C-alpha atoms as a PDB file:
ATOM      1  CA  MET A   1      35.325  15.088-121.935  1.00  0.00           C
ATOM      2  CA  ALA A   2      32.834  13.793-119.277  1.00  0.00           C
ATOM      3  CA  PRO A   3      29.761  11.731-120.082  1.00  0.00           C
ATOM      4  CA  PRO A   4      26.588  13.519-119.889  1.00  0.00           C
ATOM      5  CA  GLY A   5      26.224  14.881-116.496  1.00  0.00           C
ATOM      6  CA  GLY A   6      29.804  14.652-115.647  1.00  0.00           C
ATOM      7  CA  THR A   7      29.527  10.864-114.311  1.00  0.00           C
ATOM      8  CA  VAL A   8      29.415   7.534-115.596  1.00  0.00           C
ATOM      9  CA  MET A   9      25.879   5.933-115.523  1.00  0.00           C
ATOM     10  CA  GLU A  10      25.827   2.872-113.349  1.00  0.00           C
ATOM     11  CA  PHE A  11      24.628  -0.241-114.996  1.00  0.00           C
ATOM     12  CA  THR A  12      23.805  -3.764-113.857  1.00  0.00           C
ATOM     13  CA  PHE A  13      22.740  -6.841-115.929  1.00  0.00           C
ATOM     14  CA  GLU A  14      21.610 -10.584-115.915  1.00  0.00           C
ATOM     15  CA  LYS A  15      22.628 -13.264-117.640  1.00  0.00           C
ATOM     16  CA  GLY A  16      20.230 -15.108-119.968  1.00  0.00           C
ATOM     17  CA  LEU A  17      17.045 -14.198-122.533  1.00  0.00           C
ATOM     18  CA  HIS A  18      15.471 -11.056-121.931  1.00  0.00           C
ATOM     19  CA  ASP A  19      12.141 -10.020-123.316  1.00  0.00           C
ATOM     20  CA  LEU A  20      12.009  -6.770-124.682  1.00  0.00           C
ATOM     21  CA  GLY A  21       8.318  -6.629-125.673  1.00  0.00           C
ATOM     22  CA  ASN A  22       6.437  -6.799-129.115  1.00  0.00           C
ATOM     23  CA  GLY A  23       8.643  -9.978-130.211  1.00  0.00           C
ATOM     24  CA  ALA A  24      12.132  -8.703-129.674  1.00  0.00           C
ATOM     25  CA  TYR A  25      14.672 -10.206-127.364  1.00  0.00           C
ATOM     26  CA  ALA A  26      18.167  -9.914-126.229  1.00  0.00           C
ATOM     27  CA  TRP A  27      20.525 -12.637-124.904  1.00  0.00           C
ATOM     28  CA  LEU A  28      22.976 -11.017-122.285  1.00  0.00           C
ATOM     29  CA  ALA A  29      26.451 -12.669-121.474  1.00  0.00           C
ATOM     30  CA  GLN A  30      27.545 -13.289-117.960  1.00  0.00           C
ATOM     31  CA  ASP A  31      29.836 -10.082-118.284  1.00  0.00           C
ATOM     32  CA  ALA A  32      31.112  -7.810-120.181  1.00  0.00           C
ATOM     33  CA  SER A  33      34.663  -8.778-120.902  1.00  0.00           C
ATOM     34  CA  TRP A  34      36.880 -10.204-123.474  1.00  0.00           C
ATOM     35  CA  GLY A  35      34.731 -12.863-125.718  1.00  0.00           C
ATOM     36  CA  TRP A  36      31.449 -12.475-123.707  1.00  0.00           C
ATOM     37  CA  SER A  37      28.910 -11.177-126.337  1.00  0.00           C
ATOM     38  CA  ASN A  38      25.190 -10.444-126.520  1.00  0.00           C
ATOM     39  CA  ALA A  39      22.717 -11.187-129.125  1.00  0.00           C
ATOM     40  CA  GLY A  40      19.458 -10.482-130.261  1.00  0.00           C
ATOM     41  CA  LEU A  41      16.355 -12.080-131.576  1.00  0.00           C
ATOM     42  CA  VAL A  42      13.464 -10.318-133.707  1.00  0.00           C
ATOM     43  CA  VAL A  43      10.206 -12.310-134.106  1.00  0.00           C
ATOM     44  CA  ASP A  44       7.184 -11.862-135.934  1.00  0.00           C
ATOM     45  CA  GLY A  45       4.444 -14.776-136.332  1.00  0.00           C
ATOM     46  CA  ASP A  46       6.276 -17.838-137.326  1.00  0.00           C
ATOM     47  CA  GLN A  47       9.495 -16.014-138.512  1.00  0.00           C
ATOM     48  CA  SER A  48      12.487 -15.046-136.601  1.00  0.00           C
ATOM     49  CA  LEU A  49      15.787 -13.063-137.184  1.00  0.00           C
ATOM     50  CA  LEU A  50      18.860 -13.958-135.116  1.00  0.00           C
ATOM     51  CA  VAL A  51      21.456 -11.049-134.459  1.00  0.00           C
ATOM     52  CA  ASP A  52      24.849 -12.773-134.063  1.00  0.00           C
ATOM     53  CA  THR A  53      26.036 -15.937-132.444  1.00  0.00           C
ATOM     54  CA  LEU A  54      28.411 -16.447-129.676  1.00  0.00           C
ATOM     55  CA  PHE A  55      32.406 -17.265-129.294  1.00  0.00           C
ATOM     56  CA  ASP A  56      31.951 -21.059-129.175  1.00  0.00           C
ATOM     57  CA  LEU A  57      29.795 -23.857-129.751  1.00  0.00           C
ATOM     58  CA  ARG A  58      28.603 -24.364-125.962  1.00  0.00           C
ATOM     59  CA  THR A  59      27.706 -20.739-125.505  1.00  0.00           C
ATOM     60  CA  THR A  60      25.840 -20.344-128.609  1.00  0.00           C
ATOM     61  CA  ARG A  61      24.026 -23.820-128.053  1.00  0.00           C
ATOM     62  CA  GLU A  62      23.057 -22.616-124.490  1.00  0.00           C
ATOM     63  CA  MET A  63      21.564 -19.333-126.142  1.00  0.00           C
ATOM     64  CA  LEU A  64      19.520 -21.164-128.578  1.00  0.00           C
ATOM     65  CA  ASP A  65      17.920 -23.678-126.564  1.00  0.00           C
ATOM     66  CA  ALA A  66      17.066 -20.963-124.008  1.00  0.00           C
ATOM     67  CA  MET A  67      15.282 -19.023-127.156  1.00  0.00           C
ATOM     68  CA  ARG A  68      13.479 -22.392-128.181  1.00  0.00           C
ATOM     69  CA  GLY A  69      12.146 -22.922-124.684  1.00  0.00           C
ATOM     70  CA  ALA A  70      10.757 -19.355-124.555  1.00  0.00           C
ATOM     71  CA  GLU A  71       7.132 -18.787-126.001  1.00  0.00           C
ATOM     72  CA  PRO A  72       6.300 -17.306-128.530  1.00  0.00           C
ATOM     73  CA  VAL A  73       9.638 -17.472-130.079  1.00  0.00           C
ATOM     74  CA  ALA A  74       9.807 -19.325-133.357  1.00  0.00           C
ATOM     75  CA  ALA A  75      13.757 -19.892-132.855  1.00  0.00           C
ATOM     76  CA  ALA A  76      13.744 -23.396-133.877  1.00  0.00           C
ATOM     77  CA  ASN A  77      13.306 -21.963-137.117  1.00  0.00           C
ATOM     78  CA  ILE A  78      15.264 -19.097-137.566  1.00  0.00           C
ATOM     79  CA  GLY A  79      14.940 -18.030-141.259  1.00  0.00           C
ATOM     80  CA  THR A  80      17.789 -15.354-141.046  1.00  0.00           C
ATOM     81  CA  LEU A  81      21.255 -14.636-139.278  1.00  0.00           C
ATOM     82  CA  VAL A  82      22.630 -11.417-139.169  1.00  0.00           C
ATOM     83  CA  ASN A  83      26.622 -10.804-138.062  1.00  0.00           C
ATOM     84  CA  THR A  84      27.131  -7.595-136.972  1.00  0.00           C
ATOM     85  CA  HIS A  85      30.702  -7.884-137.589  1.00  0.00           C
ATOM     86  CA  ALA A  86      33.512 -10.231-138.068  1.00  0.00           C
ATOM     87  CA  ASN A  87      34.947 -10.808-134.345  1.00  0.00           C
ATOM     88  CA  GLY A  88      34.673 -14.483-133.536  1.00  0.00           C
ATOM     89  CA  ASP A  89      32.455 -13.682-130.528  1.00  0.00           C
ATOM     90  CA  HIS A  90      29.715 -12.748-132.762  1.00  0.00           C
ATOM     91  CA  CYS A  91      29.712 -15.237-135.432  1.00  0.00           C
ATOM     92  CA  HIS A  92      31.486 -18.340-134.447  1.00  0.00           C
ATOM     93  CA  GLY A  93      28.346 -20.091-133.786  1.00  0.00           C
ATOM     94  CA  ASN A  94      27.183 -19.813-136.881  1.00  0.00           C
ATOM     95  CA  GLN A  95      27.192 -23.642-137.696  1.00  0.00           C
ATOM     96  CA  LEU A  96      24.686 -24.406-135.318  1.00  0.00           C
ATOM     97  CA  VAL A  97      21.975 -22.015-137.067  1.00  0.00           C
ATOM     98  CA  GLU A  98      21.212 -24.669-139.805  1.00  0.00           C
ATOM     99  CA  GLY A  99      19.430 -23.461-143.240  1.00  0.00           C
ATOM    100  CA  ALA A 100      19.199 -20.085-142.248  1.00  0.00           C
ATOM    101  CA  GLU A 101      20.459 -17.074-144.612  1.00  0.00           C
ATOM    102  CA  ILE A 102      23.189 -15.304-142.827  1.00  0.00           C
ATOM    103  CA  ILE A 103      23.931 -11.865-143.957  1.00  0.00           C
ATOM    104  CA  ALA A 104      26.718  -9.471-143.051  1.00  0.00           C
ATOM    105  CA  SER A 105      28.343  -6.345-144.880  1.00  0.00           C
ATOM    106  CA  THR A 106      30.820  -7.173-147.597  1.00  0.00           C
ATOM    107  CA  ALA A 107      33.750  -5.994-145.583  1.00  0.00           C
ATOM    108  CA  SER A 108      32.866  -8.426-142.902  1.00  0.00           C
ATOM    109  CA  ALA A 109      32.565 -11.160-144.592  1.00  0.00           C
ATOM    110  CA  GLN A 110      36.211 -10.549-146.077  1.00  0.00           C
ATOM    111  CA  GLU A 111      37.498 -10.076-142.371  1.00  0.00           C
ATOM    112  CA  MET A 112      36.365 -13.452-141.314  1.00  0.00           C
ATOM    113  CA  THR A 113      38.463 -14.988-143.384  1.00  0.00           C
ATOM    114  CA  GLU A 114      41.465 -13.293-141.586  1.00  0.00           C
ATOM    115  CA  LEU A 115      41.329 -15.483-138.411  1.00  0.00           C
ATOM    116  CA  PRO A 116      38.728 -18.360-138.972  1.00  0.00           C
ATOM    117  CA  PRO A 117      37.895 -20.391-136.189  1.00  0.00           C
ATOM    118  CA  GLU A 118      40.068 -23.286-137.096  1.00  0.00           C
ATOM    119  CA  ALA A 119      43.114 -20.672-137.299  1.00  0.00           C
ATOM    120  CA  LEU A 120      42.325 -19.426-133.658  1.00  0.00           C
ATOM    121  CA  ALA A 121      42.073 -23.076-132.321  1.00  0.00           C
ATOM    122  CA  ALA A 122      45.712 -23.473-133.752  1.00  0.00           C
ATOM    123  CA  MET A 123      47.011 -20.681-132.454  1.00  0.00           C
ATOM    124  CA  MET A 124      45.494 -21.153-128.749  1.00  0.00           C
ATOM    125  CA  THR A 125      46.981 -24.283-128.701  1.00  0.00           C
ATOM    126  CA  GLN A 126      50.453 -23.100-129.544  1.00  0.00           C
ATOM    127  CA  LEU A 127      50.212 -20.454-126.920  1.00  0.00           C
ATOM    128  CA  ALA A 128      49.132 -23.115-124.070  1.00  0.00           C
ATOM    129  CA  ASP A 129      52.812 -24.112-124.036  1.00  0.00           C
ATOM    130  CA  ASP A 130      54.411 -20.509-124.151  1.00  0.00           C
ATOM    131  CA  PRO A 131      55.039 -19.228-120.503  1.00  0.00           C
ATOM    132  CA  SER A 132      55.583 -15.596-121.547  1.00  0.00           C
ATOM    133  CA  PRO A 133      53.333 -12.893-120.286  1.00  0.00           C
ATOM    134  CA  THR A 134      51.656 -12.105-123.391  1.00  0.00           C
ATOM    135  CA  ALA A 135      50.781 -15.665-124.023  1.00  0.00           C
ATOM    136  CA  ARG A 136      49.506 -16.158-120.592  1.00  0.00           C
ATOM    137  CA  PHE A 137      47.094 -12.997-120.810  1.00  0.00           C
ATOM    138  CA  ILE A 138      45.662 -14.331-124.157  1.00  0.00           C
ATOM    139  CA  CYS A 139      45.106 -17.871-122.519  1.00  0.00           C
ATOM    140  CA  ASP A 140      43.797 -16.244-119.605  1.00  0.00           C
ATOM    141  CA  ILE A 141      41.227 -14.207-121.165  1.00  0.00           C
ATOM    142  CA  PHE A 142      40.029 -16.813-123.524  1.00  0.00           C
ATOM    143  CA  GLU A 143      40.263 -19.769-121.145  1.00  0.00           C
ATOM    144  CA  PRO A 144      36.606 -20.210-121.044  1.00  0.00           C
ATOM    145  CA  PHE A 145      36.082 -20.785-124.723  1.00  0.00           C
ATOM    146  CA  GLU A 146      36.485 -24.106-126.647  1.00  0.00           C
ATOM    147  CA  PHE A 147      37.534 -23.137-130.445  1.00  0.00           C
ATOM    148  CA  ARG A 148      38.120 -26.798-131.592  1.00  0.00           C
ATOM    149  CA  GLY A 149      35.604 -28.064-133.683  1.00  0.00           C
ATOM    150  CA  ILE A 150      34.235 -25.123-134.708  1.00  0.00           C
ATOM    151  CA  ARG A 151      33.506 -24.686-138.621  1.00  0.00           C
ATOM    152  CA  HIS A 152      34.186 -21.461-140.167  1.00  0.00           C
ATOM    153  CA  THR A 153      30.526 -20.825-141.991  1.00  0.00           C
ATOM    154  CA  PRO A 154      30.580 -17.484-143.663  1.00  0.00           C
ATOM    155  CA  PRO A 155      27.743 -15.349-144.784  1.00  0.00           C
ATOM    156  CA  THR A 156      25.621 -16.599-147.922  1.00  0.00           C
ATOM    157  CA  ARG A 157      24.625 -12.645-148.532  1.00  0.00           C
ATOM    158  CA  THR A 158      26.613  -9.571-148.144  1.00  0.00           C
ATOM    159  CA  PHE A 159      25.430  -6.005-148.615  1.00  0.00           C
ATOM    160  CA  ASP A 160      27.000  -2.516-148.651  1.00  0.00           C
ATOM    161  CA  ARG A 161      25.871   0.801-146.910  1.00  0.00           C
ATOM    162  CA  GLU A 162      22.222  -0.387-146.229  1.00  0.00           C
ATOM    163  CA  LEU A 163      19.719  -3.511-146.450  1.00  0.00           C
ATOM    164  CA  THR A 164      16.297  -3.798-145.679  1.00  0.00           C
ATOM    165  CA  VAL A 165      14.891  -7.274-144.574  1.00  0.00           C
ATOM    166  CA  ARG A 166      11.573  -8.337-143.341  1.00  0.00           C
ATOM    167  CA  VAL A 167      10.473 -10.680-140.587  1.00  0.00           C
ATOM    168  CA  GLY A 168       7.076 -11.451-140.838  1.00  0.00           C
ATOM    169  CA  GLY A 169       5.105  -7.803-141.038  1.00  0.00           C
ATOM    170  CA  LYS A 170       8.587  -6.264-139.272  1.00  0.00           C
ATOM    171  CA  GLU A 171      10.967  -4.022-141.256  1.00  0.00           C
ATOM    172  CA  VAL A 172      14.488  -4.724-140.207  1.00  0.00           C
ATOM    173  CA  ARG A 173      17.055  -2.250-141.421  1.00  0.00           C
ATOM    174  CA  LEU A 174      20.719  -3.050-141.677  1.00  0.00           C
ATOM    175  CA  ILE A 175      22.987  -0.101-141.445  1.00  0.00           C
ATOM    176  CA  GLN A 176      26.606  -0.583-142.316  1.00  0.00           C
ATOM    177  CA  VAL A 177      28.557   2.347-139.850  1.00  0.00           C
ATOM    178  CA  GLY A 178      32.192   0.616-140.173  1.00  0.00           C
ATOM    179  CA  PRO A 179      34.877   0.892-140.669  1.00  0.00           C
ATOM    180  CA  ALA A 180      34.885   1.506-136.824  1.00  0.00           C
ATOM    181  CA  HIS A 181      35.224  -1.045-134.214  1.00  0.00           C
ATOM    182  CA  THR A 182      36.246  -3.722-137.372  1.00  0.00           C
ATOM    183  CA  LYS A 183      36.007  -3.404-140.971  1.00  0.00           C
ATOM    184  CA  GLY A 184      32.523  -3.604-141.558  1.00  0.00           C
ATOM    185  CA  ASP A 185      30.272  -2.958-138.495  1.00  0.00           C
ATOM    186  CA  VAL A 186      26.539  -2.889-138.818  1.00  0.00           C
ATOM    187  CA  LEU A 187      23.467  -1.683-136.610  1.00  0.00           C
ATOM    188  CA  VAL A 188      20.527  -3.602-136.587  1.00  0.00           C
ATOM    189  CA  HIS A 189      17.418  -1.511-136.283  1.00  0.00           C
ATOM    190  CA  VAL A 190      14.052  -2.671-135.711  1.00  0.00           C
ATOM    191  CA  PRO A 191      11.659   0.352-135.968  1.00  0.00           C
ATOM    192  CA  ALA A 192       8.426  -1.414-134.986  1.00  0.00           C
ATOM    193  CA  ASP A 193      10.134  -2.409-131.810  1.00  0.00           C
ATOM    194  CA  GLY A 194      11.490   0.828-131.132  1.00  0.00           C
ATOM    195  CA  THR A 195      15.081  -1.278-130.631  1.00  0.00           C
ATOM    196  CA  VAL A 196      18.578  -1.272-132.293  1.00  0.00           C
ATOM    197  CA  TYR A 197      20.951  -4.176-131.483  1.00  0.00           C
ATOM    198  CA  THR A 198      24.597  -2.198-131.939  1.00  0.00           C
ATOM    199  CA  GLY A 199      27.131  -5.121-132.000  1.00  0.00           C
ATOM    200  CA  ASP A 200      30.544  -3.685-130.948  1.00  0.00           C
ATOM    201  CA  ILE A 201      29.871  -0.172-131.825  1.00  0.00           C
ATOM    202  CA  LEU A 202      28.635  -0.098-128.070  1.00  0.00           C
ATOM    203  CA  PHE A 203      30.612  -1.517-125.192  1.00  0.00           C
ATOM    204  CA  ILE A 204      28.651  -0.696-122.029  1.00  0.00           C
ATOM    205  CA  GLY A 205      30.560  -0.864-118.761  1.00  0.00           C
ATOM    206  CA  GLY A 206      33.547  -2.392-120.480  1.00  0.00           C
ATOM    207  CA  THR A 207      36.295  -0.403-122.448  1.00  0.00           C
ATOM    208  CA  PRO A 208      35.842  -0.211-126.492  1.00  0.00           C
ATOM    209  CA  ILE A 209      38.197  -1.376-128.682  1.00  0.00           C
ATOM    210  CA  MET A 210      39.338  -0.020-132.038  1.00  0.00           C
ATOM    211  CA  TRP A 211      40.740  -2.520-134.037  1.00  0.00           C
ATOM    212  CA  GLU A 212      40.167  -0.764-137.187  1.00  0.00           C
ATOM    213  CA  GLY A 213      39.087   2.838-137.580  1.00  0.00           C
ATOM    214  CA  PRO A 214      38.915   5.714-138.112  1.00  0.00           C
ATOM    215  CA  VAL A 215      37.830   6.825-134.926  1.00  0.00           C
ATOM    216  CA  GLN A 216      35.671   9.383-136.507  1.00  0.00           C
ATOM    217  CA  ARG A 217      33.660   6.918-138.297  1.00  0.00           C
ATOM    218  CA  TRP A 218      32.971   5.440-134.780  1.00  0.00           C
ATOM    219  CA  ILE A 219      31.952   8.503-133.071  1.00  0.00           C
ATOM    220  CA  ASP A 220      29.586   9.139-136.322  1.00  0.00           C
ATOM    221  CA  ALA A 221      27.713   5.918-135.449  1.00  0.00           C
ATOM    222  CA  CYS A 222      27.352   6.651-132.072  1.00  0.00           C
ATOM    223  CA  THR A 223      25.719   9.940-132.765  1.00  0.00           C
ATOM    224  CA  LEU A 224      23.587   8.121-135.261  1.00  0.00           C
ATOM    225  CA  ILE A 225      22.321   5.943-132.409  1.00  0.00           C
ATOM    226  CA  GLU A 226      21.654   8.925-130.194  1.00  0.00           C
ATOM    227  CA  GLU A 227      19.475  10.399-132.926  1.00  0.00           C
ATOM    228  CA  MET A 228      17.446   7.534-133.419  1.00  0.00           C
ATOM    229  CA  ASP A 229      13.948   7.081-132.507  1.00  0.00           C
ATOM    230  CA  VAL A 230      14.544   3.764-130.381  1.00  0.00           C
ATOM    231  CA  GLU A 231      13.811   3.209-126.535  1.00  0.00           C
ATOM    232  CA  THR A 232      16.066  -0.039-126.212  1.00  0.00           C
ATOM    233  CA  VAL A 233      19.531  -0.155-127.345  1.00  0.00           C
ATOM    234  CA  VAL A 234      21.236  -3.959-126.998  1.00  0.00           C
ATOM    235  CA  PRO A 235      25.041  -3.553-127.119  1.00  0.00           C
ATOM    236  CA  GLY A 236      27.459  -5.918-128.357  1.00  0.00           C
ATOM    237  CA  HIS A 237      28.751  -6.332-124.771  1.00  0.00           C
ATOM    238  CA  GLY A 238      27.359  -5.133-121.345  1.00  0.00           C
ATOM    239  CA  PRO A 239      23.818  -4.456-120.301  1.00  0.00           C
ATOM    240  CA  ILE A 240      20.838  -3.222-122.081  1.00  0.00           C
ATOM    241  CA  THR A 241      20.871   0.508-122.173  1.00  0.00           C
ATOM    242  CA  ASP A 242      19.041   3.266-124.219  1.00  0.00           C
ATOM    243  CA  ARG A 243      20.560   6.207-126.078  1.00  0.00           C
ATOM    244  CA  ARG A 244      22.353   7.584-123.227  1.00  0.00           C
ATOM    245  CA  GLY A 245      24.834   4.653-123.629  1.00  0.00           C
ATOM    246  CA  ALA A 246      25.772   5.662-127.128  1.00  0.00           C
ATOM    247  CA  ALA A 247      26.589   8.936-125.823  1.00  0.00           C
ATOM    248  CA  LEU A 248      28.914   7.393-123.133  1.00  0.00           C
ATOM    249  CA  VAL A 249      30.890   5.426-125.475  1.00  0.00           C
ATOM    250  CA  ARG A 250      31.107   8.629-127.923  1.00  0.00           C
ATOM    251  CA  GLY A 251      32.385  10.448-125.035  1.00  0.00           C
ATOM    252  CA  TYR A 252      35.125   7.816-124.507  1.00  0.00           C
ATOM    253  CA  LEU A 253      36.374   7.864-127.780  1.00  0.00           C
ATOM    254  CA  GLU A 254      36.412  11.736-127.903  1.00  0.00           C
ATOM    255  CA  TYR A 255      38.268  11.847-124.575  1.00  0.00           C
ATOM    256  CA  VAL A 256      40.997   9.379-125.879  1.00  0.00           C
ATOM    257  CA  ARG A 257      41.173  10.761-129.172  1.00  0.00           C
ATOM    258  CA  ASP A 258      42.046  14.320-127.834  1.00  0.00           C
ATOM    259  CA  GLU A 259      44.188  12.714-125.183  1.00  0.00           C
ATOM    260  CA  ALA A 260      46.310  10.701-127.434  1.00  0.00           C
ATOM    261  CA  ARG A 261      46.546  14.007-130.040  1.00  0.00           C
ATOM    262  CA  ALA A 262      48.098  15.687-127.419  1.00  0.00           C
ATOM    263  CA  ARG A 263      50.651  13.056-126.335  1.00  0.00           C
ATOM    264  CA  PHE A 264      51.539  12.593-130.109  1.00  0.00           C
ATOM    265  CA  ASP A 265      52.241  16.287-130.791  1.00  0.00           C
ATOM    266  CA  ALA A 266      54.605  16.240-127.653  1.00  0.00           C
ATOM    267  CA  GLY A 267      56.703  13.519-129.271  1.00  0.00           C
ATOM    268  CA  LEU A 268      55.517  10.531-126.905  1.00  0.00           C
ATOM    269  CA  ASP A 269      55.428   7.110-128.718  1.00  0.00           C
ATOM    270  CA  ALA A 270      52.074   5.220-128.960  1.00  0.00           C
ATOM    271  CA  ALA A 271      53.153   2.597-126.169  1.00  0.00           C
ATOM    272  CA  ASP A 272      54.056   5.720-123.776  1.00  0.00           C
ATOM    273  CA  ALA A 273      50.993   7.533-124.480  1.00  0.00           C
ATOM    274  CA  ALA A 274      49.017   4.575-123.771  1.00  0.00           C
ATOM    275  CA  ARG A 275      50.366   4.120-120.485  1.00  0.00           C
ATOM    276  CA  ASP A 276      50.278   7.855-119.637  1.00  0.00           C
ATOM    277  CA  ILE A 277      46.711   8.463-120.399  1.00  0.00           C
ATOM    278  CA  ALA A 278      44.324   8.621-117.111  1.00  0.00           C
ATOM    279  CA  LEU A 279      41.109   7.350-117.834  1.00  0.00           C
ATOM    280  CA  ALA A 280      39.285   9.806-115.515  1.00  0.00           C
ATOM    281  CA  ASP A 281      35.716   9.321-115.484  1.00  0.00           C
ATOM    282  CA  TRP A 282      35.907   5.938-117.599  1.00  0.00           C
ATOM    283  CA  GLU A 283      38.614   4.480-115.097  1.00  0.00           C
ATOM    284  CA  SER A 284      35.877   1.836-113.633  1.00  0.00           C
ATOM    285  CA  TRP A 285      35.352   0.234-116.916  1.00  0.00           C
ATOM    286  CA  GLY A 286      36.500  -3.258-117.584  1.00  0.00           C
ATOM    287  CA  ASP A 287      39.515  -4.185-119.783  1.00  0.00           C
ATOM    288  CA  SER A 288      40.864  -0.472-119.351  1.00  0.00           C
ATOM    289  CA  GLU A 289      44.190  -2.132-121.055  1.00  0.00           C
ATOM    290  CA  ARG A 290      42.494  -2.034-124.617  1.00  0.00           C
ATOM    291  CA  ILE A 291      43.853   1.571-124.595  1.00  0.00           C
ATOM    292  CA  VAL A 292      46.818   0.385-125.881  1.00  0.00           C
ATOM    293  CA  VAL A 293      44.990  -0.700-129.490  1.00  0.00           C
ATOM    294  CA  ASN A 294      43.017   2.469-129.398  1.00  0.00           C
ATOM    295  CA  VAL A 295      45.970   4.571-129.174  1.00  0.00           C
ATOM    296  CA  ASP A 296      48.132   2.502-131.566  1.00  0.00           C
ATOM    297  CA  ARG A 297      45.346   3.171-134.119  1.00  0.00           C
ATOM    298  CA  LEU A 298      44.756   6.631-133.483  1.00  0.00           C
ATOM    299  CA  TYR A 299      48.699   7.449-133.726  1.00  0.00           C
ATOM    300  CA  ALA A 300      48.231   5.565-137.197  1.00  0.00           C
ATOM    301  CA  GLU A 301      45.579   8.052-138.160  1.00  0.00           C
ATOM    302  CA  PHE A 302      47.614  11.083-136.854  1.00  0.00           C
ATOM    303  CA  SER A 303      50.857   9.905-138.776  1.00  0.00           C
ATOM    304  CA  GLY A 304      49.345   8.564-142.018  1.00  0.00           C
ATOM    305  CA  LYS A 305      51.229   5.410-141.306  1.00  0.00           C
ATOM    306  CA  PRO A 306      49.857   1.843-140.724  1.00  0.00           C
ATOM    307  CA  PRO A 307      49.263   0.877-137.240  1.00  0.00           C
ATOM    308  CA  THR A 308      51.285  -1.845-135.591  1.00  0.00           C
ATOM    309  CA  ALA A 309      51.139  -5.109-137.612  1.00  0.00           C
ATOM    310  CA  ASP A 310      52.345  -6.950-134.632  1.00  0.00           C
ATOM    311  CA  VAL A 311      49.052  -7.813-132.574  1.00  0.00           C
ATOM    312  CA  LEU A 312      50.911 -10.009-130.297  1.00  0.00           C
ATOM    313  CA  ALA A 313      52.857  -6.807-129.277  1.00  0.00           C
ATOM    314  CA  LEU A 314      49.701  -5.035-128.530  1.00  0.00           C
ATOM    315  CA  PHE A 315      48.582  -7.717-126.351  1.00  0.00           C
ATOM    316  CA  GLY A 316      51.857  -7.944-124.621  1.00  0.00           C
ATOM    317  CA  LEU A 317      51.345  -4.202-123.673  1.00  0.00           C
ATOM    318  CA  MET A 318      47.702  -4.874-122.564  1.00  0.00           C
ATOM    319  CA  ALA A 319      49.185  -7.724-120.486  1.00  0.00           C
ATOM    320  CA  GLU A 320      51.570  -5.187-118.864  1.00  0.00           C
ATOM    321  CA  LEU A 321      48.872  -2.684-118.508  1.00  0.00           C
ATOM    322  CA  ARG A 322      46.306  -5.132-116.878  1.00  0.00           C
ATOM    323  CA  LYS A 323      48.909  -6.170-114.402  1.00  0.00           C
ATOM    324  CA  ARG A 324      49.482  -2.694-113.409  1.00  0.00           C
END
């Protein structure tokens, strides 16, 4: 299945703070690859809500400084922080947003305890002396970030399904669409701004990675975005887009699902299926090695068995595909 029009849309983007109008802002990372995530800010009057922090304290501090330097942003007094999901590149900077109410889905709050920043820092220290291709791959993709000194700062408020909060006179809808990318993904929809911040439900120009699934939940989340009355879509990774960006991600998920199913039915194991699937219109997207995780999760769905528990083994196969 090809994206709308049969081709992949071309996107460019620039790192930094982008004014979307009407008190809506997006912070874009320098690229869409591993760990480089986007964030958002919703402002009305003297109140503001931050959508996600970043992977470490340096990058989060840089973002907050840029926000505080932009008028009329009230980022110095962020009253609410929403974490769209549990991956560290969207919540490891929480400790720098002092005094804010931190909101996440119940499932995300629980998932954040599975690999807190302190544990990730210890793992990276251990891998630094490991010469294996798997360790080198992990160290290379996370080399720009410093995990030491980060303190796990969990949500102070959790919810299930949907929650509406206010920023000044603006209504902000928090919609749980996970499990999909992770266990508790949340969309942040600001109707007055015609904007939705999607977290990692959308990777634009980069390959989505399905840590959790099921795939249909993720496809349904993309469809929900496509049906929203919004003009601006801020993805978790990659450039600002519109509803067509959601259609592209949905197309990738449907394509990989169908290709994986064909190989599952033919008796190939998940690793060989990941090696065999040609990415067609999506081959230009970055980090295509993530198909390893996606196929592993799809095979678990098809078989009714748990996905691979050895995450390092998955990273090893990703390292192989990236080298190829």
